[in-house]
Amino acid sequence: MSHWPGKYVIGLTGNIATGKSVVRRMLEHLGAYTIDADALSHRAISKGAPGYQPVLSTFGKWLVGKDGEIDRKKLGNLVFNDPEALTQLEDIIHPLVYQATGILIQRAAQHVIVVEAIKLLEGKLRGVCDSIWVTNAPEEVQAERLIRKRGLSRDQALERVRMQSAQSDKVSAANVVIKNTGSYEDLWKQVSAAWKKISPASEEPAPVVVKPAASGDFSVQRGRPRDSAAIARLLTELSKGNRKVNSEDVMADFGDKAYLLLQMGGRSVGVAGWQVENLVARTTDLYLADGIEPVKAIETLVKAVERASGDLQCEASLLFPQGPLARQDAVWKQLGYERQTPETLGVQAWQDAALESMPSDSTLYFKQLRQDRVLRPI
């Protein structure tokens, strides 16, 4: 029986570069509510949050950077080779993450919850999961991903891989093992097949997000992996070639983001590519066809993003329009968005999201979606 009545909780773990986050996002596409416990641990020690002062009292004020935040790199270096210090840090952070996870699970509308955590099996969260899923990949594949994504040398990548606990220990504890050898299509098939065993009635989420009010009005549909070729053509066309992508690129994108398609008269006339990470929605692709009325088109598409983001309990929405859309200040203001820079956002998690996601030559527009933030500053 679930620790949280009415919820089915999947604990998702695996070693570095085995694809945990990709699998988590795929499950989100399929209708689960997903939680990144490691991101919550960063929130727990942000300035004013419950773990901030205990960390400084334990390890010292020298960890504070110029912005008043704890320098996570300094903290990581401190506990990296000191098991006792690591235990002290975990004793501060883990209860806060557990509490925050419980809050998110309880207020989630979705039945299936996915909690991703690198140390899931070592902590209290393991005991409240109804099923343990583990991502697994060959060592060579792990190393190649670290080299490609983080710019590590081969020796550095292998060191990172081999310093973690044995992957076989995680696999032996799993109810479901997802083998990730590099093919997104194969990965999607495995995740979808495992999903159907726990939620057989909903292989994919309902495609329509916003229904048209009358004939000729705009509507919004959620793009799905099987639509990857059509989405690739749309992105390439509407961006005037600035986003030249093919179906394989879009299929890979589904490991990071979702696509919402604006439709009118049976054809697609706009697209938004967005993702939710650490309770922040980030819309990095936003394009409209020429010749359509921009005010209503923007409003329809952005409200669809906000509605989907609200289902995932987002605190804030970040939009990064480019070209003519970046100059629609009146429209963005009417929708409640303010032009900002990452440095002016004020909340560390929001700043981090903007710095991580902001494309070059884009403008940042910001809107707070909810006031009750998890692990909010005191």
Protein backbone atom coordinates (compact mmCIF):
# COMPACT_ATOMS: atom_id res chain seq x y z
CA MET A 1 0.00 0.00 0.00
CA SER A 2 1.32 3.42 -0.93
CA HIS A 3 2.65 5.69 1.79
CA TRP A 4 0.54 8.38 0.12
CA PRO A 5 -3.05 7.11 -0.43
CA GLY A 6 -4.16 7.33 -4.03
CA LYS A 7 -0.60 7.67 -5.33
CA TYR A 8 1.69 5.15 -6.97
CA VAL A 9 5.29 6.23 -6.37
CA ILE A 10 8.16 5.15 -8.62
CA GLY A 11 11.65 5.63 -7.25
CA LEU A 12 14.02 6.24 -10.17
CA THR A 13 17.77 5.90 -9.77
CA GLY A 14 20.93 4.83 -11.57
CA ASN A 15 24.56 5.83 -11.79
CA ILE A 16 25.94 8.90 -13.53
CA ALA A 17 25.19 9.27 -17.27
CA THR A 18 22.81 6.30 -17.42
CA GLY A 19 19.87 8.49 -18.47
CA LYS A 20 17.83 8.94 -15.27
CA SER A 21 16.65 12.43 -16.13
CA VAL A 22 15.73 11.46 -19.69
CA VAL A 23 13.60 8.58 -18.41
CA ARG A 24 12.00 10.86 -15.81
CA ARG A 25 10.97 13.34 -18.52
CA MET A 26 9.64 10.55 -20.72
CA LEU A 27 7.44 9.41 -17.84
CA GLU A 28 6.29 13.01 -17.49
CA HIS A 29 5.26 12.96 -21.17
CA LEU A 30 3.24 9.83 -20.44
CA GLY A 31 1.30 11.49 -17.63
CA ALA A 32 3.32 11.08 -14.42
CA TYR A 33 4.19 13.85 -12.00
CA THR A 34 7.96 13.86 -11.60
CA ILE A 35 10.28 15.16 -8.90
CA ASP A 36 14.03 15.74 -9.11
CA ALA A 37 15.14 15.16 -5.52
CA ASP A 38 18.69 16.29 -6.28
CA ALA A 39 17.38 19.68 -7.47
CA LEU A 40 15.39 19.97 -4.24
CA SER A 41 18.62 19.43 -2.31
CA HIS A 42 20.03 22.55 -3.98
CA ARG A 43 16.93 24.50 -2.98
CA ALA A 44 17.24 23.28 0.60
CA ILE A 45 20.51 25.18 1.12
CA SER A 46 19.71 28.34 -0.84
CA LYS A 47 19.88 31.65 1.01
CA GLY A 48 17.17 31.81 3.68
CA ALA A 49 15.97 28.24 3.06
CA PRO A 50 15.85 25.81 6.01
CA GLY A 51 19.22 24.18 5.31
CA TYR A 52 21.20 27.36 4.70
CA GLN A 53 22.15 28.29 8.27
CA PRO A 54 22.73 24.69 9.47
CA VAL A 55 25.25 24.18 6.64
CA LEU A 56 27.11 27.38 7.53
CA SER A 57 27.02 26.54 11.25
CA THR A 58 28.47 23.10 10.50
CA PHE A 59 31.08 23.93 7.85
CA GLY A 60 31.75 27.66 8.13
CA LYS A 61 30.83 31.00 6.56
CA TRP A 62 33.76 30.74 4.14
CA LEU A 63 31.37 28.80 1.88
CA VAL A 64 29.31 31.95 1.15
CA GLY A 65 29.92 33.59 -2.22
CA LYS A 66 29.61 37.25 -3.16
CA ASP A 67 25.91 36.81 -3.91
CA GLY A 68 25.24 35.55 -0.39
CA GLU A 69 24.53 32.02 -1.61
CA ILE A 70 26.44 28.91 -0.55
CA ASP A 71 29.06 28.11 -3.19
CA ARG A 72 28.05 24.57 -4.12
CA LYS A 73 31.39 23.91 -5.82
CA LYS A 74 33.29 24.75 -2.61
CA LEU A 75 30.87 22.63 -0.61
CA GLY A 76 31.25 19.73 -3.03
CA ASN A 77 35.04 19.90 -2.84
CA LEU A 78 34.80 19.89 0.96
CA VAL A 79 32.73 16.70 1.23
CA PHE A 80 34.12 14.96 -1.86
CA ASN A 81 36.86 13.05 -0.05
CA ASP A 82 35.54 13.32 3.51
CA PRO A 83 32.90 10.67 4.32
CA GLU A 84 32.22 12.18 7.75
CA ALA A 85 31.56 15.63 6.26
CA LEU A 86 29.35 14.08 3.58
CA THR A 87 27.31 12.32 6.26
CA GLN A 88 26.91 15.60 8.15
CA LEU A 89 25.72 17.35 5.00
CA GLU A 90 23.26 14.57 4.16
CA ASP A 91 21.88 14.65 7.71
CA ILE A 92 20.99 18.30 7.11
CA ILE A 93 19.65 18.03 3.57
CA HIS A 94 17.89 14.66 3.34
CA PRO A 95 15.11 15.35 5.90
CA LEU A 96 14.30 18.62 4.14
CA VAL A 97 14.19 16.94 0.71
CA TYR A 98 11.99 14.18 2.12
CA GLN A 99 9.60 16.76 3.56
CA ALA A 100 9.48 18.78 0.31
CA THR A 101 8.92 15.60 -1.72
CA GLY A 102 5.96 14.72 0.48
CA ILE A 103 4.42 18.15 -0.02
CA LEU A 104 4.73 17.88 -3.81
CA ILE A 105 3.32 14.33 -3.88
CA GLN A 106 0.33 15.22 -1.72
CA ARG A 107 -0.72 18.18 -3.82
CA ALA A 108 -0.06 16.52 -7.20
CA ALA A 109 -3.18 15.80 -9.25
CA GLN A 110 -1.50 12.89 -11.03
CA HIS A 111 -1.84 9.30 -9.78
CA VAL A 112 1.68 8.17 -10.70
CA ILE A 113 4.61 10.01 -9.11
CA VAL A 114 8.26 9.60 -10.13
CA VAL A 115 11.02 10.57 -7.70
CA GLU A 116 14.49 10.71 -9.27
CA ALA A 117 17.39 10.54 -6.81
CA ILE A 118 20.99 9.45 -7.22
CA LYS A 119 21.03 8.07 -3.65
CA LEU A 120 17.47 6.79 -3.59
CA LEU A 121 18.40 3.34 -2.26
CA GLU A 122 20.50 4.71 0.59
CA GLY A 123 17.86 7.05 2.03
CA LYS A 124 14.41 7.21 3.56
CA LEU A 125 12.70 7.72 0.19
CA ARG A 126 13.31 4.11 -0.77
CA GLY A 127 10.88 2.91 1.88
CA VAL A 128 7.97 4.93 0.50
CA CYS A 129 8.31 3.87 -3.14
CA ASP A 130 5.91 1.33 -4.61
CA SER A 131 8.39 0.38 -7.33
CA ILE A 132 12.10 0.91 -7.96
CA TRP A 133 13.23 1.70 -11.51
CA VAL A 134 16.92 1.71 -12.40
CA THR A 135 18.54 3.04 -15.55
CA ASN A 136 21.55 1.04 -16.71
CA ALA A 137 24.18 1.68 -19.38
CA PRO A 138 27.55 0.16 -20.32
CA GLU A 139 30.58 1.94 -18.87
CA GLU A 140 31.77 3.00 -22.32
CA VAL A 141 28.41 4.65 -23.04
CA GLN A 142 28.50 6.47 -19.70
CA ALA A 143 32.01 7.77 -20.40
CA GLU A 144 31.12 8.88 -23.94
CA ARG A 145 28.15 10.89 -22.65
CA LEU A 146 30.27 12.63 -20.02
CA ILE A 147 32.92 13.48 -22.61
CA ARG A 148 30.31 14.88 -25.01
CA LYS A 149 28.08 16.73 -22.55
CA ARG A 150 30.54 17.92 -19.91
CA GLY A 151 33.72 18.27 -21.92
CA LEU A 152 35.67 15.82 -19.75
CA SER A 153 38.71 13.90 -20.90
CA ARG A 154 38.34 10.14 -21.21
CA ASP A 155 40.32 9.57 -18.01
CA GLN A 156 38.20 12.12 -16.12
CA ALA A 157 34.99 10.56 -17.42
CA LEU A 158 36.01 7.05 -16.41
CA GLU A 159 37.05 8.31 -12.98
CA ARG A 160 33.59 9.83 -12.46
CA VAL A 161 31.93 6.58 -13.58
CA ARG A 162 34.06 4.29 -11.42
CA MET A 163 33.91 6.34 -8.23
CA GLN A 164 30.20 5.60 -7.78
CA SER A 165 28.73 2.56 -6.06
CA ALA A 166 28.45 -0.56 -8.19
CA GLN A 167 25.66 -0.29 -10.77
CA SER A 168 24.97 -4.00 -10.26
CA ASP A 169 23.81 -3.25 -6.70
CA LYS A 170 21.16 -0.88 -8.01
CA VAL A 171 20.08 -3.29 -10.75
CA SER A 172 19.65 -6.12 -8.24
CA ALA A 173 17.32 -3.92 -6.17
CA ALA A 174 15.18 -2.88 -9.16
CA ASN A 175 11.66 -3.87 -10.07
CA VAL A 176 12.18 -2.39 -13.53
CA VAL A 177 15.52 -2.01 -15.34
CA ILE A 178 15.71 0.39 -18.29
CA LYS A 179 18.69 -0.39 -20.53
CA ASN A 180 19.92 2.83 -22.10
CA THR A 181 22.47 2.20 -24.82
CA GLY A 182 21.97 5.46 -26.70
CA SER A 183 18.91 5.05 -28.93
CA TYR A 184 16.11 7.42 -27.89
CA GLU A 185 13.59 5.42 -29.89
CA ASP A 186 14.53 2.19 -28.12
CA LEU A 187 14.53 3.98 -24.76
CA TRP A 188 11.06 5.39 -25.43
CA LYS A 189 9.75 1.90 -26.30
CA GLN A 190 11.08 0.46 -23.03
CA VAL A 191 9.66 3.28 -20.93
CA SER A 192 6.29 3.16 -22.71
CA ALA A 193 6.06 -0.62 -22.25
CA ALA A 194 6.85 -0.40 -18.54
CA TRP A 195 4.39 2.49 -18.17
CA LYS A 196 1.52 0.53 -19.74
CA LYS A 197 1.89 -2.14 -17.05
CA ILE A 198 1.08 0.39 -14.31
CA SER A 199 -1.21 2.70 -16.31
CA PRO A 200 -2.62 0.61 -19.18
CA ALA A 201 -5.44 3.04 -19.99
CA SER A 202 -3.14 5.92 -20.96
CA GLU A 203 -0.20 5.12 -23.21
CA GLU A 204 0.21 8.83 -23.95
CA PRO A 205 -1.38 11.98 -22.54
CA ALA A 206 -4.44 13.40 -24.20
CA PRO A 207 -3.26 15.50 -27.14
CA VAL A 208 -5.62 18.47 -26.84
CA VAL A 209 -4.61 21.04 -24.23
CA VAL A 210 -6.85 23.95 -25.24
CA LYS A 211 -9.99 23.31 -27.27
CA PRO A 212 -11.11 25.80 -29.91
CA ALA A 213 -13.99 28.02 -28.83
CA ALA A 214 -15.47 28.19 -32.32
CA SER A 215 -14.72 27.24 -35.91
CA GLY A 216 -11.64 29.04 -37.15
CA ASP A 217 -10.24 29.78 -33.68
CA PHE A 218 -6.85 28.64 -32.46
CA SER A 219 -6.38 25.35 -30.65
CA VAL A 220 -3.32 23.78 -29.05
CA GLN A 221 -2.23 20.16 -29.19
CA ARG A 222 0.60 18.44 -27.40
CA GLY A 223 3.15 17.00 -29.78
CA ARG A 224 4.13 13.38 -29.26
CA PRO A 225 7.23 11.40 -30.19
CA ARG A 226 5.43 9.86 -33.15
CA ASP A 227 4.97 13.44 -34.47
CA SER A 228 8.72 14.13 -34.44
CA ALA A 229 9.09 14.47 -38.23
CA ALA A 230 6.21 16.96 -38.46
CA ILE A 231 7.54 18.95 -35.49
CA ALA A 232 11.00 19.09 -37.10
CA ARG A 233 9.55 20.52 -40.33
CA LEU A 234 7.51 23.06 -38.37
CA LEU A 235 10.48 24.25 -36.29
CA THR A 236 12.69 24.61 -39.36
CA GLU A 237 10.03 26.45 -41.35
CA LEU A 238 8.74 28.84 -38.67
CA SER A 239 12.23 29.73 -37.43
CA LYS A 240 13.23 30.67 -40.98
CA GLY A 241 15.97 28.05 -40.80
CA ASN A 242 17.47 29.29 -37.53
CA ARG A 243 16.41 26.00 -35.93
CA LYS A 244 17.33 23.44 -38.56
CA VAL A 245 16.36 20.09 -37.05
CA ASN A 246 15.37 16.65 -38.24
CA SER A 247 13.10 14.02 -36.72
CA GLU A 248 16.00 12.41 -34.84
CA ASP A 249 16.86 15.77 -33.25
CA VAL A 250 13.27 16.23 -32.11
CA MET A 251 13.11 12.67 -30.82
CA ALA A 252 16.21 13.43 -28.75
CA ASP A 253 14.58 16.68 -27.60
CA PHE A 254 11.77 14.65 -26.04
CA GLY A 255 14.34 13.62 -23.44
CA ASP A 256 14.44 17.28 -22.35
CA LYS A 257 11.27 19.06 -23.38
CA ALA A 258 7.71 18.88 -24.64
CA TYR A 259 6.20 20.58 -27.68
CA LEU A 260 2.86 22.36 -27.91
CA LEU A 261 1.50 22.97 -31.42
CA LEU A 262 -0.74 25.93 -32.22
CA GLN A 263 -3.32 25.02 -34.85
CA MET A 264 -5.80 26.95 -36.95
CA GLY A 265 -8.02 25.63 -39.69
CA GLY A 266 -6.47 22.18 -39.53
CA ARG A 267 -2.86 23.30 -39.94
CA SER A 268 -0.05 24.04 -37.50
CA VAL A 269 0.76 27.77 -37.32
CA GLY A 270 2.90 27.95 -34.18
CA VAL A 271 5.01 25.91 -31.80
CA ALA A 272 6.32 26.17 -28.25
CA GLY A 273 9.11 23.96 -26.97
CA TRP A 274 9.16 24.00 -23.17
CA GLN A 275 10.34 22.01 -20.20
CA VAL A 276 9.82 21.98 -16.45
CA GLU A 277 12.87 21.53 -14.27
CA ASN A 278 13.17 22.33 -10.56
CA LEU A 279 9.59 23.69 -10.57
CA VAL A 280 10.45 26.31 -13.21
CA ALA A 281 8.90 26.29 -16.71
CA ARG A 282 11.29 27.33 -19.48
CA THR A 283 9.98 28.00 -22.99
CA THR A 284 13.03 28.05 -25.24
CA ASP A 285 11.33 27.59 -28.62
CA LEU A 286 8.51 29.97 -29.53
CA TYR A 287 7.62 30.54 -33.18
CA LEU A 288 4.57 31.70 -35.15
CA ALA A 289 3.76 31.55 -38.85
CA ASP A 290 3.68 34.75 -40.86
CA GLY A 291 0.32 36.32 -41.57
CA ILE A 292 -1.54 35.29 -38.42
CA GLU A 293 -2.80 37.72 -35.77
CA PRO A 294 0.02 37.63 -33.17
CA VAL A 295 -1.80 38.86 -30.06
CA LYS A 296 -4.38 36.09 -29.89
CA ALA A 297 -1.90 33.49 -31.16
CA ILE A 298 0.64 34.33 -28.45
CA GLU A 299 -2.05 34.42 -25.78
CA THR A 300 -3.43 31.01 -26.78
CA LEU A 301 -0.04 29.32 -26.94
CA VAL A 302 1.38 30.87 -23.77
CA LYS A 303 -1.74 30.11 -21.73
CA ALA A 304 -1.47 26.50 -22.87
CA VAL A 305 2.14 26.44 -21.63
CA GLU A 306 1.02 27.95 -18.31
CA ARG A 307 -1.80 25.44 -17.91
CA ALA A 308 0.51 22.50 -18.55
CA SER A 309 3.10 24.07 -16.22
CA GLY A 310 0.47 24.50 -13.53
CA ASP A 311 -0.29 20.78 -13.72
CA LEU A 312 3.39 20.27 -12.81
CA GLN A 313 3.18 22.71 -9.84
CA CYS A 314 5.51 25.28 -11.42
CA GLU A 315 6.40 28.37 -9.42
CA ALA A 316 7.52 30.50 -12.34
CA SER A 317 7.44 30.70 -16.13
CA LEU A 318 10.43 31.87 -18.14
CA LEU A 319 9.93 32.70 -21.83
CA PHE A 320 12.78 33.29 -24.28
CA PRO A 321 11.27 34.72 -27.50
CA GLN A 322 13.51 35.72 -30.38
CA GLY A 323 13.13 38.02 -33.38
CA PRO A 324 9.79 39.85 -33.80
CA LEU A 325 8.18 38.04 -30.85
CA ALA A 326 10.81 39.47 -28.50
CA ARG A 327 9.55 42.94 -29.36
CA GLN A 328 5.91 42.30 -28.45
CA ASP A 329 6.27 44.06 -25.08
CA ALA A 330 2.61 45.11 -24.89
CA VAL A 331 1.43 41.53 -25.44
CA TRP A 332 3.78 40.08 -22.84
CA LYS A 333 2.80 42.75 -20.32
CA GLN A 334 -0.88 42.03 -20.90
CA LEU A 335 -0.18 38.36 -20.11
CA GLY A 336 1.57 39.28 -16.88
CA TYR A 337 5.18 38.92 -18.03
CA GLU A 338 8.02 41.33 -17.28
CA ARG A 339 11.22 41.75 -19.24
CA GLN A 340 14.07 40.66 -16.95
CA THR A 341 17.66 39.52 -16.86
CA PRO A 342 18.70 36.36 -14.99
CA GLU A 343 20.45 38.46 -12.34
CA THR A 344 17.28 40.41 -11.45
CA LEU A 345 15.04 37.40 -10.77
CA GLY A 346 15.90 37.33 -7.06
CA VAL A 347 15.39 33.61 -6.36
CA GLN A 348 18.40 31.36 -6.86
CA ALA A 349 16.43 28.53 -8.49
CA TRP A 350 14.91 30.97 -11.00
CA GLN A 351 18.28 32.56 -11.75
CA ASP A 352 19.87 29.15 -12.28
CA ALA A 353 17.03 28.16 -14.63
CA ALA A 354 17.45 31.31 -16.71
CA LEU A 355 21.23 30.99 -16.96
CA GLU A 356 20.97 27.29 -17.89
CA SER A 357 18.25 27.70 -20.51
CA MET A 358 18.49 31.15 -22.12
CA PRO A 359 19.34 30.83 -25.82
CA SER A 360 21.65 33.38 -27.40
CA ASP A 361 19.95 36.36 -29.07
CA SER A 362 16.79 35.90 -27.01
CA THR A 363 14.95 38.06 -24.48
CA LEU A 364 13.87 36.85 -21.03
CA TYR A 365 10.29 37.42 -19.93
CA PHE A 366 9.29 36.30 -16.43
CA LYS A 367 6.02 35.56 -14.62
CA GLN A 368 5.52 34.09 -11.15
CA LEU A 369 2.82 31.42 -11.31
CA ARG A 370 2.33 30.67 -7.62
CA GLN A 371 3.26 32.23 -4.29
CA ASP A 372 3.60 29.10 -2.15
CA ARG A 373 7.07 27.92 -3.07
CA VAL A 374 8.59 24.67 -1.82
CA LEU A 375 11.53 25.31 0.55
CA ARG A 376 10.89 29.03 0.16
CA PRO A 377 13.20 31.47 1.96
CA ILE A 378 12.13 32.15 5.53
